[in-house]
Amino acid sequence: MSRILNFSFAFGSTNFARSCEGIAIIGTPNLTSQQYASPVSKLGHVNVYSGERLEEELSRYFTHVFLFAANDEVVHTGFSPMAHYLIAVGVKKRTNP
């Protein structure tokens, strides 16, 4: 998702909203960590999300959203703005997004 320009959960190239049956696991570099990213990394990750935006977008399509943060090899539920990478799990697809 972070490598797709203008990705939209509703109208993504794979039509994300319709293709997920009951669970989705989405990962993206954190928007707040981009100030520390290398120029090459920034070129490759053109569509990064903040934790708030990622959770908000997935909540439109899933009843339950769990947001995790990752730093180095540690995955946690701590303060997401300090994370380098975000992982969101959407569970139980909404019937009318």
N, C-alpha and C. Protein backbone atom coordinates (compact mmCIF):
# COMPACT_ATOMS: atom_id res chain seq x y z
N MET A 1 0.82 -1.18 0.00
CA MET A 1 0.00 0.00 0.00
C MET A 1 0.87 1.25 0.00
N SER A 2 1.96 1.23 0.77
CA SER A 2 2.80 2.43 0.82
C SER A 2 3.55 2.67 -0.48
N ARG A 3 3.61 1.66 -1.33
CA ARG A 3 4.32 1.79 -2.60
C ARG A 3 3.38 2.09 -3.77
N ILE A 4 2.09 2.24 -3.49
CA ILE A 4 1.11 2.53 -4.53
C ILE A 4 0.68 3.99 -4.42
N LEU A 5 0.96 4.76 -5.44
CA LEU A 5 0.59 6.17 -5.45
C LEU A 5 -0.93 6.29 -5.47
N ASN A 6 -1.46 7.16 -4.63
CA ASN A 6 -2.91 7.41 -4.56
C ASN A 6 -3.73 6.17 -4.22
N PHE A 7 -3.19 5.29 -3.38
CA PHE A 7 -3.93 4.11 -2.95
C PHE A 7 -5.15 4.54 -2.15
N SER A 8 -6.25 3.89 -2.38
CA SER A 8 -7.48 4.13 -1.63
C SER A 8 -8.03 2.79 -1.19
N PHE A 9 -8.41 2.68 0.07
CA PHE A 9 -8.98 1.43 0.54
C PHE A 9 -10.23 1.06 -0.24
N ALA A 10 -11.03 2.04 -0.59
CA ALA A 10 -12.28 1.77 -1.30
C ALA A 10 -12.05 1.49 -2.78
N PHE A 11 -11.10 2.18 -3.38
CA PHE A 11 -10.93 2.08 -4.83
C PHE A 11 -9.52 1.70 -5.22
N GLY A 12 -8.82 0.93 -4.37
CA GLY A 12 -7.46 0.49 -4.65
C GLY A 12 -7.40 -0.41 -5.88
N SER A 13 -6.21 -0.65 -6.35
CA SER A 13 -6.05 -1.42 -7.58
C SER A 13 -6.62 -2.83 -7.44
N THR A 14 -6.72 -3.35 -6.24
CA THR A 14 -7.30 -4.68 -6.04
C THR A 14 -8.70 -4.57 -5.46
N ASN A 15 -9.26 -3.39 -5.45
CA ASN A 15 -10.57 -3.13 -4.86
C ASN A 15 -10.64 -3.71 -3.45
N PHE A 16 -9.82 -3.17 -2.61
CA PHE A 16 -9.60 -3.64 -1.24
C PHE A 16 -10.90 -3.90 -0.48
N ALA A 17 -11.82 -2.97 -0.52
CA ALA A 17 -13.04 -3.08 0.28
C ALA A 17 -13.86 -4.31 -0.07
N ARG A 18 -13.88 -4.70 -1.34
CA ARG A 18 -14.67 -5.87 -1.74
C ARG A 18 -13.90 -7.17 -1.63
N SER A 19 -12.58 -7.12 -1.73
CA SER A 19 -11.81 -8.36 -1.79
C SER A 19 -11.52 -8.98 -0.42
N CYS A 20 -11.57 -8.21 0.65
CA CYS A 20 -11.30 -8.76 1.98
C CYS A 20 -12.55 -9.44 2.52
N GLU A 21 -12.42 -10.68 2.91
CA GLU A 21 -13.57 -11.44 3.39
C GLU A 21 -13.84 -11.23 4.87
N GLY A 22 -12.84 -11.20 5.70
CA GLY A 22 -13.11 -11.08 7.12
C GLY A 22 -11.96 -10.54 7.93
N ILE A 23 -10.75 -10.55 7.37
CA ILE A 23 -9.59 -10.05 8.10
C ILE A 23 -8.60 -9.46 7.10
N ALA A 24 -7.98 -8.38 7.52
CA ALA A 24 -6.94 -7.76 6.69
C ALA A 24 -5.79 -7.36 7.59
N ILE A 25 -4.58 -7.58 7.13
CA ILE A 25 -3.39 -7.15 7.85
C ILE A 25 -2.65 -6.21 6.91
N ILE A 26 -2.51 -4.96 7.34
CA ILE A 26 -1.92 -3.90 6.53
C ILE A 26 -0.72 -3.34 7.26
N GLY A 27 0.38 -3.16 6.55
CA GLY A 27 1.57 -2.56 7.13
C GLY A 27 2.07 -1.42 6.29
N THR A 28 2.59 -0.40 6.93
CA THR A 28 3.12 0.77 6.22
C THR A 28 4.14 1.49 7.09
N PRO A 29 5.13 2.11 6.48
CA PRO A 29 5.99 2.97 7.28
C PRO A 29 5.14 4.09 7.89
N ASN A 30 5.52 4.53 9.05
CA ASN A 30 4.78 5.56 9.76
C ASN A 30 5.09 6.93 9.15
N LEU A 31 4.07 7.72 8.92
CA LEU A 31 4.25 9.07 8.38
C LEU A 31 5.19 9.90 9.25
N THR A 32 5.07 9.76 10.56
CA THR A 32 5.89 10.57 11.46
C THR A 32 7.37 10.17 11.44
N SER A 33 7.68 8.99 10.90
CA SER A 33 9.09 8.57 10.84
C SER A 33 9.76 8.99 9.54
N GLN A 34 9.02 9.56 8.62
CA GLN A 34 9.57 9.89 7.31
C GLN A 34 10.65 10.97 7.35
N GLN A 35 10.65 11.76 8.40
CA GLN A 35 11.71 12.77 8.51
C GLN A 35 13.08 12.13 8.70
N TYR A 36 13.11 10.86 9.12
CA TYR A 36 14.37 10.15 9.33
C TYR A 36 14.68 9.17 8.19
N ALA A 37 13.79 9.03 7.24
CA ALA A 37 13.97 8.08 6.14
C ALA A 37 14.97 8.59 5.12
N SER A 38 15.64 7.66 4.47
CA SER A 38 16.61 8.04 3.44
C SER A 38 15.86 8.49 2.18
N PRO A 39 16.52 9.24 1.33
CA PRO A 39 15.88 9.67 0.07
C PRO A 39 15.40 8.48 -0.78
N VAL A 40 16.17 7.40 -0.81
CA VAL A 40 15.77 6.22 -1.58
C VAL A 40 14.51 5.61 -0.99
N SER A 41 14.44 5.52 0.32
CA SER A 41 13.25 4.98 0.99
C SER A 41 12.03 5.84 0.70
N LYS A 42 12.22 7.15 0.72
CA LYS A 42 11.10 8.06 0.44
C LYS A 42 10.59 7.90 -0.98
N LEU A 43 11.48 7.62 -1.92
CA LEU A 43 11.06 7.40 -3.31
C LEU A 43 10.22 6.14 -3.44
N GLY A 44 10.55 5.12 -2.67
CA GLY A 44 9.84 3.86 -2.75
C GLY A 44 8.53 3.82 -1.99
N HIS A 45 8.44 4.61 -0.93
CA HIS A 45 7.23 4.64 -0.11
C HIS A 45 6.52 5.97 -0.35
N VAL A 46 5.64 5.97 -1.32
CA VAL A 46 5.00 7.21 -1.77
C VAL A 46 3.67 7.50 -1.08
N ASN A 47 3.15 6.54 -0.32
CA ASN A 47 1.83 6.69 0.27
C ASN A 47 1.85 6.14 1.69
N VAL A 48 2.44 6.88 2.61
CA VAL A 48 2.54 6.41 4.00
C VAL A 48 1.42 7.01 4.84
N TYR A 49 1.09 6.33 5.91
CA TYR A 49 -0.03 6.71 6.77
C TYR A 49 0.46 7.00 8.19
N SER A 50 -0.26 7.85 8.89
CA SER A 50 -0.08 7.99 10.34
C SER A 50 -0.93 6.90 10.98
N GLY A 51 -0.69 6.62 12.25
CA GLY A 51 -1.49 5.63 12.95
C GLY A 51 -2.95 6.00 12.98
N GLU A 52 -3.25 7.28 13.18
CA GLU A 52 -4.64 7.74 13.24
C GLU A 52 -5.34 7.54 11.90
N ARG A 53 -4.66 7.91 10.82
CA ARG A 53 -5.27 7.78 9.50
C ARG A 53 -5.48 6.31 9.12
N LEU A 54 -4.50 5.46 9.42
CA LEU A 54 -4.62 4.04 9.10
C LEU A 54 -5.78 3.41 9.86
N GLU A 55 -5.88 3.71 11.14
CA GLU A 55 -6.97 3.17 11.95
C GLU A 55 -8.33 3.70 11.48
N GLU A 56 -8.39 4.97 11.16
CA GLU A 56 -9.63 5.58 10.67
C GLU A 56 -10.09 4.95 9.35
N GLU A 57 -9.15 4.78 8.42
CA GLU A 57 -9.49 4.19 7.12
C GLU A 57 -9.99 2.76 7.27
N LEU A 58 -9.29 1.95 8.06
CA LEU A 58 -9.71 0.56 8.23
C LEU A 58 -11.03 0.45 8.99
N SER A 59 -11.29 1.38 9.89
CA SER A 59 -12.54 1.36 10.67
C SER A 59 -13.76 1.58 9.78
N ARG A 60 -13.56 2.14 8.63
CA ARG A 60 -14.68 2.31 7.70
C ARG A 60 -15.13 0.97 7.13
N TYR A 61 -14.23 -0.02 7.10
CA TYR A 61 -14.52 -1.29 6.45
C TYR A 61 -14.56 -2.49 7.40
N PHE A 62 -14.03 -2.31 8.63
CA PHE A 62 -13.99 -3.39 9.59
C PHE A 62 -14.54 -2.94 10.94
N THR A 63 -15.24 -3.85 11.61
CA THR A 63 -15.83 -3.54 12.91
C THR A 63 -14.75 -3.35 13.98
N HIS A 64 -13.71 -4.16 13.94
CA HIS A 64 -12.63 -4.09 14.93
C HIS A 64 -11.30 -3.84 14.22
N VAL A 65 -10.56 -2.86 14.72
CA VAL A 65 -9.24 -2.54 14.17
C VAL A 65 -8.24 -2.51 15.31
N PHE A 66 -7.15 -3.26 15.14
CA PHE A 66 -6.09 -3.31 16.14
C PHE A 66 -4.84 -2.71 15.52
N LEU A 67 -4.31 -1.67 16.15
CA LEU A 67 -3.14 -0.98 15.62
C LEU A 67 -1.91 -1.36 16.44
N PHE A 68 -0.87 -1.80 15.75
CA PHE A 68 0.39 -2.15 16.38
C PHE A 68 1.48 -1.26 15.82
N ALA A 69 2.50 -1.04 16.61
CA ALA A 69 3.64 -0.24 16.20
C ALA A 69 4.88 -1.13 16.22
N ALA A 70 5.84 -0.81 15.37
CA ALA A 70 7.07 -1.61 15.31
C ALA A 70 8.28 -0.70 15.26
N ASN A 71 9.25 -1.05 16.07
CA ASN A 71 10.56 -0.41 16.06
C ASN A 71 11.60 -1.52 16.05
N ASP A 72 12.48 -1.50 15.08
CA ASP A 72 13.47 -2.56 14.92
C ASP A 72 12.75 -3.91 14.90
N GLU A 73 13.07 -4.82 15.80
CA GLU A 73 12.43 -6.13 15.79
C GLU A 73 11.32 -6.26 16.83
N VAL A 74 10.91 -5.16 17.44
CA VAL A 74 9.89 -5.19 18.49
C VAL A 74 8.55 -4.67 17.96
N VAL A 75 7.51 -5.48 18.12
CA VAL A 75 6.14 -5.08 17.79
C VAL A 75 5.43 -4.81 19.10
N HIS A 76 4.74 -3.67 19.19
CA HIS A 76 4.13 -3.28 20.46
C HIS A 76 2.85 -2.48 20.21
N THR A 77 2.16 -2.17 21.28
CA THR A 77 0.95 -1.35 21.19
C THR A 77 1.19 0.02 21.82
N GLY A 78 2.42 0.43 21.87
CA GLY A 78 2.79 1.68 22.52
C GLY A 78 2.43 2.91 21.71
N PHE A 79 3.10 3.99 21.97
CA PHE A 79 2.85 5.31 21.39
C PHE A 79 3.16 5.27 19.89
N SER A 80 2.13 5.24 19.05
CA SER A 80 2.35 5.03 17.62
C SER A 80 3.13 6.14 16.91
N PRO A 81 3.04 7.41 17.32
CA PRO A 81 3.84 8.42 16.62
C PRO A 81 5.36 8.20 16.71
N MET A 82 5.80 7.41 17.67
CA MET A 82 7.24 7.14 17.81
C MET A 82 7.68 5.90 17.04
N ALA A 83 6.75 5.19 16.44
CA ALA A 83 7.07 3.95 15.72
C ALA A 83 7.59 4.24 14.32
N HIS A 84 8.44 3.36 13.83
CA HIS A 84 8.92 3.48 12.47
C HIS A 84 7.98 2.80 11.48
N TYR A 85 7.26 1.79 11.95
CA TYR A 85 6.39 1.02 11.07
C TYR A 85 5.08 0.74 11.79
N LEU A 86 3.98 0.74 11.06
CA LEU A 86 2.65 0.49 11.63
C LEU A 86 2.06 -0.78 11.02
N ILE A 87 1.40 -1.55 11.85
CA ILE A 87 0.70 -2.75 11.40
C ILE A 87 -0.72 -2.66 11.95
N ALA A 88 -1.70 -2.74 11.07
CA ALA A 88 -3.10 -2.70 11.50
C ALA A 88 -3.78 -4.00 11.08
N VAL A 89 -4.60 -4.51 11.98
CA VAL A 89 -5.37 -5.71 11.70
C VAL A 89 -6.84 -5.33 11.75
N GLY A 90 -7.53 -5.52 10.64
CA GLY A 90 -8.97 -5.27 10.57
C GLY A 90 -9.70 -6.60 10.62
N VAL A 91 -10.70 -6.69 11.50
CA VAL A 91 -11.42 -7.94 11.70
C VAL A 91 -12.92 -7.67 11.60
N LYS A 92 -13.63 -8.60 11.02
CA LYS A 92 -15.09 -8.58 10.87
C LYS A 92 -15.50 -7.44 9.93
N LYS A 93 -15.52 -7.78 8.67
CA LYS A 93 -15.86 -6.82 7.62
C LYS A 93 -17.25 -6.24 7.85
N ARG A 94 -17.36 -4.93 7.71
CA ARG A 94 -18.66 -4.27 7.83
C ARG A 94 -19.51 -4.62 6.60
N THR A 95 -20.80 -4.75 6.81
CA THR A 95 -21.68 -5.10 5.68
C THR A 95 -21.96 -3.90 4.80
N ASN A 96 -22.00 -2.70 5.37
CA ASN A 96 -22.25 -1.47 4.61
C ASN A 96 -21.18 -0.43 4.94
N PRO A 97 -20.03 -0.49 4.26
CA PRO A 97 -18.96 0.49 4.57
C PRO A 97 -19.33 1.90 4.16
